[in-house]
Structure formats: structure tokens, C-alpha cells
Amino acid sequence: MERCRGCYALHVPTLAAGAAHAVGAGLDRAFGFSLHGDATVATCVLKVLEGEEEHFYVLASDVVRFSSASGIKKSFSRYRAEFGMSRSAIETYNAQDIAAWCADQSFDHELVSATLERQAGAFTALYNAASEGRLHIHSAFERLLAELVTFEYELTSNGAKGTVPKFGHAKGCHDDTVYSLAWAVYALRDIELNPYEVKGIHCDAAGPAAGLCLLNGGGFVPPCADECRSFASAQGLHEKYINKSGAAALKIEDFFKIKVANVGAHTIRR
């Protein structure tokens, strides 16, 4: 857990630094009158590529008082507005009203049944990210860090499917923040990220310059690059990449060919 602990800006543009990314949310909801001290927790997570690896940064871990629907909606609305959250995974238990509300929002949502198989997949992914140094938890989220330390599993029989791990908290502890985190990461499981993305390339160059330009498949920076908005976007990504990579950074020609994907239209003047 100490490997996961850190201090970083809770600001998506700073953490992503131009790299492709996605933001997801997870919800683990308890009854407001729980006799066991269970809490309702909403979590927001950034998924971003660093090099070729997916890293996860916890942006928020909110305990919602009294498990109120208004509190959950407030947290999710903040995640959308402040962090650009686009997907959410909501554990089915006691959350039908939240799912109905999410259906009218501008982000995607899914109800998740916490079956043994689904938990095994979600928590294995979380463990792998943590053990490989790809899970980052701000030191301000003390409750989450504390619950992760006492989170455990045991192998249990799953009928004809064999033996699977069963997850939960140690005796006398809680795991609400951990489940909420797992579902936030799970919400982003099928989003494939490109290292860096430009949202469209539009070339107005005439003559041989267009064919030589690296944005159009060539290998050179043409004279018209200083006046081209698309090239300015590519250069901006390269500058952010250099700030991350330092002396080992690729030149812009190699950077664009290897690490940049165009996710929009590509138009060339005829």
C-alpha cells in the first residue's frame, strides 16, 4: 500500500499531460440505517497511459452521509463536471434509484452484480495495478488506504467452476471504499487508450509539401507547419510528452509515428 500512496494534483489535465485518458466512477451503497457501520462510498478514478502501461489515479473517494440519493447524485455530478467522468459502475444492491437517475445523465452507467467471478476479475485487476506500481492513491484518502491494508481473500468452491477467490474485509474492519474503487476501475475496463490523440487533421498545403508532412504519412516537418493548426496540436502533445520523458524523449517525427493516433477526420486539400 505504501507503493500506492502519493501526493499528486487532483487535476485531470495535469495528470494526463496530453495523453489519452478516461475517467470512471464506482458506487458501493449501504442502507442508511446499517447496524454494522457500513458506509456508502462513491469513487472517481482516472485511467491514463504512461508509456505503454495503464495507470490509475484516484481523484475522489467520498463517503456519502446517510446513504442519501441526493449525496450520491451530488458526487457523481461533481465527477462529471470537474473531472470529465464518462462511465460509472454501480453495484446493484440498493441502487435502483441511482441507476434510474443516471439514465438521464450525460455519462454512461451500468449496474453490476457482485458475483464471485466478477469480483475475482475486478479485484485481480486492482491488485495487479497496485503490485506493479500503477495504482496511485492520494495520501488524503486515508480511509481507502486503511481499508486496503485489511482487505483479504480466501479460496472458496464455486461448484463446477472450481475454486475462486472470495474477497472481503478482515474481522472488525470495513471494505466499502475498496469495493467502490474496484467498481470505478471496472467501469473503464473496455476502454482502449492510445498513447496520445489528436482530434482531427486538416491540411491546406498545396504541392509536394502535403505529401512530405509527417501528419500525412511523410517524414518531415514542412515549412507551413508554423501556420497549421493541426501541426500546432501535434507539437503541443510533443511538448507535454517531453516534459514527462525528459532526455529520453523521441523527436517529433518518431513521436508522431509511434505514439500519436488521430481520432477525428483527416482532410487534405486537392
Protein backbone atom coordinates (compact mmCIF):
# COMPACT_ATOMS: atom_id res chain seq x y z
CA MET A 1 0.00 0.00 0.00
CA GLU A 2 2.89 2.35 0.62
CA ARG A 3 3.82 1.92 -3.01
CA CYS A 4 0.37 3.23 -3.96
CA ARG A 5 0.41 6.19 -1.59
CA GLY A 6 1.43 9.53 -3.05
CA CYS A 7 0.70 13.21 -3.46
CA TYR A 8 -0.37 14.49 -6.85
CA ALA A 9 -2.58 17.18 -8.32
CA LEU A 10 -6.23 16.13 -8.33
CA HIS A 11 -6.49 17.68 -11.77
CA VAL A 12 -7.01 15.58 -14.90
CA PRO A 13 -5.15 17.80 -17.44
CA THR A 14 -2.10 17.88 -15.17
CA LEU A 15 -2.07 14.12 -14.61
CA ALA A 16 -2.81 13.21 -18.23
CA ALA A 17 -0.36 15.75 -19.69
CA GLY A 18 -1.88 15.36 -23.14
CA ALA A 19 -2.03 11.56 -23.10
CA ALA A 20 -5.26 9.73 -23.86
CA HIS A 21 -7.33 9.11 -20.75
CA ALA A 22 -10.74 8.23 -19.38
CA VAL A 23 -12.47 8.87 -16.07
CA GLY A 24 -14.84 6.47 -14.34
CA ALA A 25 -16.84 6.29 -11.13
CA GLY A 26 -17.87 3.47 -8.83
CA LEU A 27 -20.58 3.22 -6.18
CA ASP A 28 -20.92 0.88 -3.23
CA ARG A 29 -24.14 1.73 -1.39
CA ALA A 30 -25.20 0.68 2.09
CA PHE A 31 -28.51 1.16 3.85
CA GLY A 32 -28.61 4.44 5.73
CA PHE A 33 -29.54 2.59 8.93
CA SER A 34 -26.79 -0.07 8.71
CA LEU A 35 -26.09 -1.63 12.12
CA HIS A 36 -22.61 -2.75 11.10
CA GLY A 37 -21.10 0.62 10.36
CA ASP A 38 -21.22 0.11 6.59
CA ALA A 39 -20.89 3.26 4.52
CA THR A 40 -21.96 4.40 1.10
CA VAL A 41 -18.91 5.38 -0.93
CA ALA A 42 -18.54 6.99 -4.35
CA THR A 43 -15.13 6.90 -6.02
CA CYS A 44 -13.71 8.61 -9.09
CA VAL A 45 -10.67 7.27 -10.97
CA LEU A 46 -8.56 8.48 -13.87
CA LYS A 47 -7.20 5.88 -16.30
CA VAL A 48 -4.23 7.15 -18.34
CA LEU A 49 -1.43 5.67 -20.39
CA GLU A 50 2.09 6.27 -19.12
CA GLY A 51 4.42 4.83 -21.70
CA GLU A 52 2.63 1.66 -22.75
CA GLU A 53 1.04 0.91 -19.36
CA GLU A 54 -2.34 1.83 -17.92
CA HIS A 55 -2.13 3.78 -14.66
CA PHE A 56 -4.99 4.60 -12.32
CA TYR A 57 -5.19 7.74 -10.18
CA VAL A 58 -7.86 8.06 -7.50
CA LEU A 59 -9.40 11.51 -7.86
CA ALA A 60 -12.10 11.26 -5.18
CA SER A 61 -13.28 8.85 -2.50
CA ASP A 62 -16.42 10.25 -0.91
CA VAL A 63 -18.35 8.79 2.00
CA VAL A 64 -21.99 9.80 1.49
CA ARG A 65 -23.77 10.57 4.75
CA PHE A 66 -26.92 8.56 5.46
CA SER A 67 -26.54 6.85 2.04
CA SER A 68 -28.70 9.64 0.63
CA ALA A 69 -29.57 9.66 -3.04
CA SER A 70 -29.00 13.41 -3.15
CA GLY A 71 -25.47 12.96 -1.81
CA ILE A 72 -24.64 10.29 -4.39
CA LYS A 73 -26.04 12.42 -7.21
CA LYS A 74 -24.02 15.40 -5.98
CA SER A 75 -20.81 13.37 -6.03
CA PHE A 76 -21.44 11.92 -9.49
CA SER A 77 -22.42 15.34 -10.85
CA ARG A 78 -19.17 16.78 -9.48
CA TYR A 79 -17.14 13.99 -11.05
CA ARG A 80 -18.72 14.73 -14.41
CA ALA A 81 -18.25 18.49 -14.20
CA GLU A 82 -14.83 18.63 -12.54
CA PHE A 83 -13.08 15.54 -13.91
CA GLY A 84 -14.98 14.70 -17.09
CA MET A 85 -16.25 11.37 -15.80
CA SER A 86 -17.79 9.42 -18.69
CA ARG A 87 -18.62 5.99 -17.21
CA SER A 88 -19.88 4.60 -13.93
CA ALA A 89 -20.36 1.16 -12.42
CA ILE A 90 -22.97 0.86 -9.69
CA GLU A 91 -23.26 -2.21 -7.51
CA THR A 92 -26.83 -3.45 -7.88
CA TYR A 93 -27.54 -3.73 -4.16
CA ASN A 94 -29.88 -0.93 -3.02
CA ALA A 95 -29.12 1.28 -6.02
CA GLN A 96 -32.03 1.07 -8.47
CA ASP A 97 -33.00 4.70 -7.86
CA ILE A 98 -29.47 5.89 -8.64
CA ALA A 99 -29.38 3.83 -11.83
CA ALA A 100 -32.69 5.39 -12.93
CA TRP A 101 -31.24 8.86 -12.34
CA CYS A 102 -28.02 8.00 -14.20
CA ALA A 103 -30.07 7.02 -17.26
CA ASP A 104 -30.94 10.71 -17.71
CA GLN A 105 -27.36 11.96 -17.31
CA SER A 106 -24.65 12.64 -19.89
CA PHE A 107 -22.42 9.76 -18.77
CA ASP A 108 -22.80 6.02 -19.27
CA HIS A 109 -23.67 3.72 -16.40
CA GLU A 110 -24.05 0.03 -15.71
CA LEU A 111 -25.48 -1.97 -12.83
CA VAL A 112 -23.01 -4.54 -11.52
CA SER A 113 -23.97 -7.71 -9.68
CA ALA A 114 -21.14 -8.65 -7.32
CA THR A 115 -20.85 -12.30 -8.34
CA LEU A 116 -17.79 -14.28 -7.30
CA GLU A 117 -16.50 -14.33 -10.88
CA ARG A 118 -16.96 -10.58 -11.38
CA GLN A 119 -15.32 -9.78 -8.05
CA ALA A 120 -12.41 -12.05 -8.91
CA GLY A 121 -11.82 -10.19 -12.17
CA ALA A 122 -12.24 -6.73 -10.66
CA PHE A 123 -10.03 -7.27 -7.64
CA THR A 124 -7.36 -9.14 -9.57
CA ALA A 125 -7.07 -6.16 -11.92
CA LEU A 126 -6.87 -3.85 -8.91
CA TYR A 127 -4.21 -6.00 -7.23
CA ASN A 128 -2.11 -6.18 -10.40
CA ALA A 129 -2.19 -2.39 -10.78
CA ALA A 130 -1.19 -1.94 -7.13
CA SER A 131 1.61 -4.51 -7.15
CA GLU A 132 3.07 -3.11 -10.37
CA GLY A 133 3.05 0.49 -9.13
CA ARG A 134 0.24 1.54 -11.49
CA LEU A 135 -2.36 2.36 -8.82
CA HIS A 136 -1.95 5.80 -7.27
CA ILE A 137 -3.87 6.85 -4.16
CA HIS A 138 -3.52 10.34 -2.74
CA SER A 139 -2.47 10.34 0.91
CA ALA A 140 -5.57 12.44 1.67
CA PHE A 141 -7.73 9.34 1.12
CA GLU A 142 -6.76 7.81 4.45
CA ARG A 143 -9.86 5.66 4.86
CA LEU A 144 -9.30 3.99 1.49
CA LEU A 145 -5.65 3.26 2.27
CA ALA A 146 -6.56 1.87 5.69
CA GLU A 147 -9.25 -0.42 4.28
CA LEU A 148 -6.93 -1.73 1.59
CA VAL A 149 -4.46 -2.83 4.27
CA THR A 150 -7.10 -5.01 5.95
CA PHE A 151 -8.69 -6.30 2.76
CA GLU A 152 -8.24 -10.04 2.27
CA TYR A 153 -9.44 -13.08 0.35
CA GLU A 154 -9.91 -16.78 0.78
CA LEU A 155 -10.27 -19.54 -1.78
CA THR A 156 -13.74 -21.00 -1.93
CA SER A 157 -15.51 -23.62 -4.02
CA ASN A 158 -17.68 -22.37 -6.87
CA GLY A 159 -19.34 -25.64 -7.82
CA ALA A 160 -18.50 -26.98 -11.23
CA LYS A 161 -16.48 -23.83 -11.97
CA GLY A 162 -13.83 -24.86 -9.45
CA THR A 163 -12.12 -22.73 -6.85
CA VAL A 164 -12.31 -18.93 -6.90
CA PRO A 165 -11.13 -16.23 -4.50
CA LYS A 166 -13.74 -14.64 -2.24
CA PHE A 167 -12.93 -11.10 -1.15
CA GLY A 168 -13.83 -9.11 1.93
CA HIS A 169 -12.61 -7.21 4.96
CA ALA A 170 -10.84 -8.66 7.97
CA LYS A 171 -12.94 -9.23 11.06
CA GLY A 172 -13.96 -5.95 12.67
CA CYS A 173 -12.95 -3.88 9.62
CA HIS A 174 -14.72 -2.43 6.60
CA ASP A 175 -14.28 -2.57 2.84
CA ASP A 176 -16.76 -0.07 1.38
CA THR A 177 -14.12 2.24 -0.11
CA VAL A 178 -12.29 -0.72 -1.64
CA TYR A 179 -15.38 -2.04 -3.40
CA SER A 180 -16.22 1.43 -4.68
CA LEU A 181 -12.67 1.79 -6.04
CA ALA A 182 -12.83 -1.63 -7.69
CA TRP A 183 -16.06 -0.74 -9.47
CA ALA A 184 -14.64 2.60 -10.65
CA VAL A 185 -11.70 0.79 -12.26
CA TYR A 186 -14.07 -1.89 -13.57
CA ALA A 187 -16.18 0.77 -15.30
CA LEU A 188 -13.19 1.59 -17.53
CA ARG A 189 -12.17 -1.99 -18.31
CA ASP A 190 -13.08 -1.99 -22.02
CA ILE A 191 -11.73 1.45 -22.92
CA GLU A 192 -8.60 1.04 -25.03
CA LEU A 193 -6.39 4.11 -24.87
CA ASN A 194 -4.00 5.43 -27.47
CA PRO A 195 -0.82 6.98 -26.04
CA TYR A 196 -1.62 10.45 -27.50
CA GLU A 197 -4.58 11.59 -29.56
CA VAL A 198 -5.29 14.42 -31.99
CA LYS A 199 -8.92 15.13 -32.74
CA GLY A 200 -8.68 15.52 -36.50
CA ILE A 201 -6.05 16.55 -39.07
CA HIS A 202 -6.87 19.19 -41.67
CA CYS A 203 -4.21 20.05 -44.26
CA ASP A 204 -4.47 23.06 -46.59
CA ALA A 205 -0.97 22.69 -48.07
CA ALA A 206 -0.55 22.64 -51.83
CA GLY A 207 2.10 20.88 -53.88
CA PRO A 208 4.68 18.37 -52.60
CA ALA A 209 4.69 19.78 -49.05
CA ALA A 210 1.47 17.96 -48.22
CA GLY A 211 2.86 14.55 -49.13
CA LEU A 212 6.08 15.15 -47.21
CA CYS A 213 4.38 16.30 -43.99
CA LEU A 214 4.56 13.75 -41.20
CA LEU A 215 0.89 14.41 -40.38
CA ASN A 216 0.01 13.00 -43.81
CA GLY A 217 2.29 9.97 -43.65
CA GLY A 218 5.53 11.66 -44.68
CA GLY A 219 8.63 12.02 -42.55
CA PHE A 220 9.32 15.74 -42.41
CA VAL A 221 8.22 18.95 -40.75
CA PRO A 222 7.16 21.15 -43.68
CA PRO A 223 7.68 24.92 -43.96
CA CYS A 224 3.95 25.51 -43.47
CA ALA A 225 3.97 23.83 -40.04
CA ASP A 226 4.11 27.19 -38.24
CA GLU A 227 0.78 28.21 -39.78
CA CYS A 228 -1.01 24.88 -39.41
CA ARG A 229 -3.44 24.39 -36.53
CA SER A 230 -3.21 20.60 -36.76
CA PHE A 231 0.57 20.73 -36.56
CA ALA A 232 0.32 23.07 -33.59
CA SER A 233 -1.81 20.46 -31.82
CA ALA A 234 0.77 17.76 -32.56
CA GLN A 235 3.59 19.99 -31.32
CA GLY A 236 1.64 20.71 -28.14
CA LEU A 237 1.35 16.98 -27.45
CA HIS A 238 5.05 16.54 -28.14
CA GLU A 239 5.97 19.27 -25.67
CA LYS A 240 3.88 17.62 -22.96
CA TYR A 241 5.49 14.29 -23.79
CA ILE A 242 8.99 15.84 -23.49
CA ASN A 243 8.11 17.27 -20.08
CA LYS A 244 7.25 13.74 -18.94
CA SER A 245 10.07 11.84 -20.65
CA GLY A 246 12.96 14.26 -20.29
CA ALA A 247 16.25 13.47 -22.05
CA ALA A 248 14.97 10.13 -23.35
CA ALA A 249 12.15 11.73 -25.34
CA LEU A 250 11.62 10.91 -29.02
CA LYS A 251 11.98 13.52 -31.73
CA ILE A 252 8.66 14.82 -33.04
CA GLU A 253 8.89 12.75 -36.25
CA ASP A 254 9.21 9.46 -34.34
CA PHE A 255 6.83 10.60 -31.61
CA PHE A 256 4.03 11.22 -34.09
CA LYS A 257 4.52 7.93 -35.92
CA ILE A 258 4.78 5.78 -32.79
CA LYS A 259 2.64 7.41 -30.13
CA VAL A 260 0.00 9.64 -31.74
CA ALA A 261 -3.37 8.46 -33.05
CA ASN A 262 -5.83 10.59 -34.99
CA VAL A 263 -9.32 10.04 -33.57
CA GLY A 264 -11.04 12.51 -35.90
CA ALA A 265 -11.32 13.25 -39.60
CA HIS A 266 -8.31 13.60 -41.92
CA THR A 267 -8.74 16.04 -44.77
CA ILE A 268 -6.17 17.04 -47.42
CA ARG A 269 -6.50 19.79 -50.00
CA ARG A 270 -6.94 18.54 -53.59
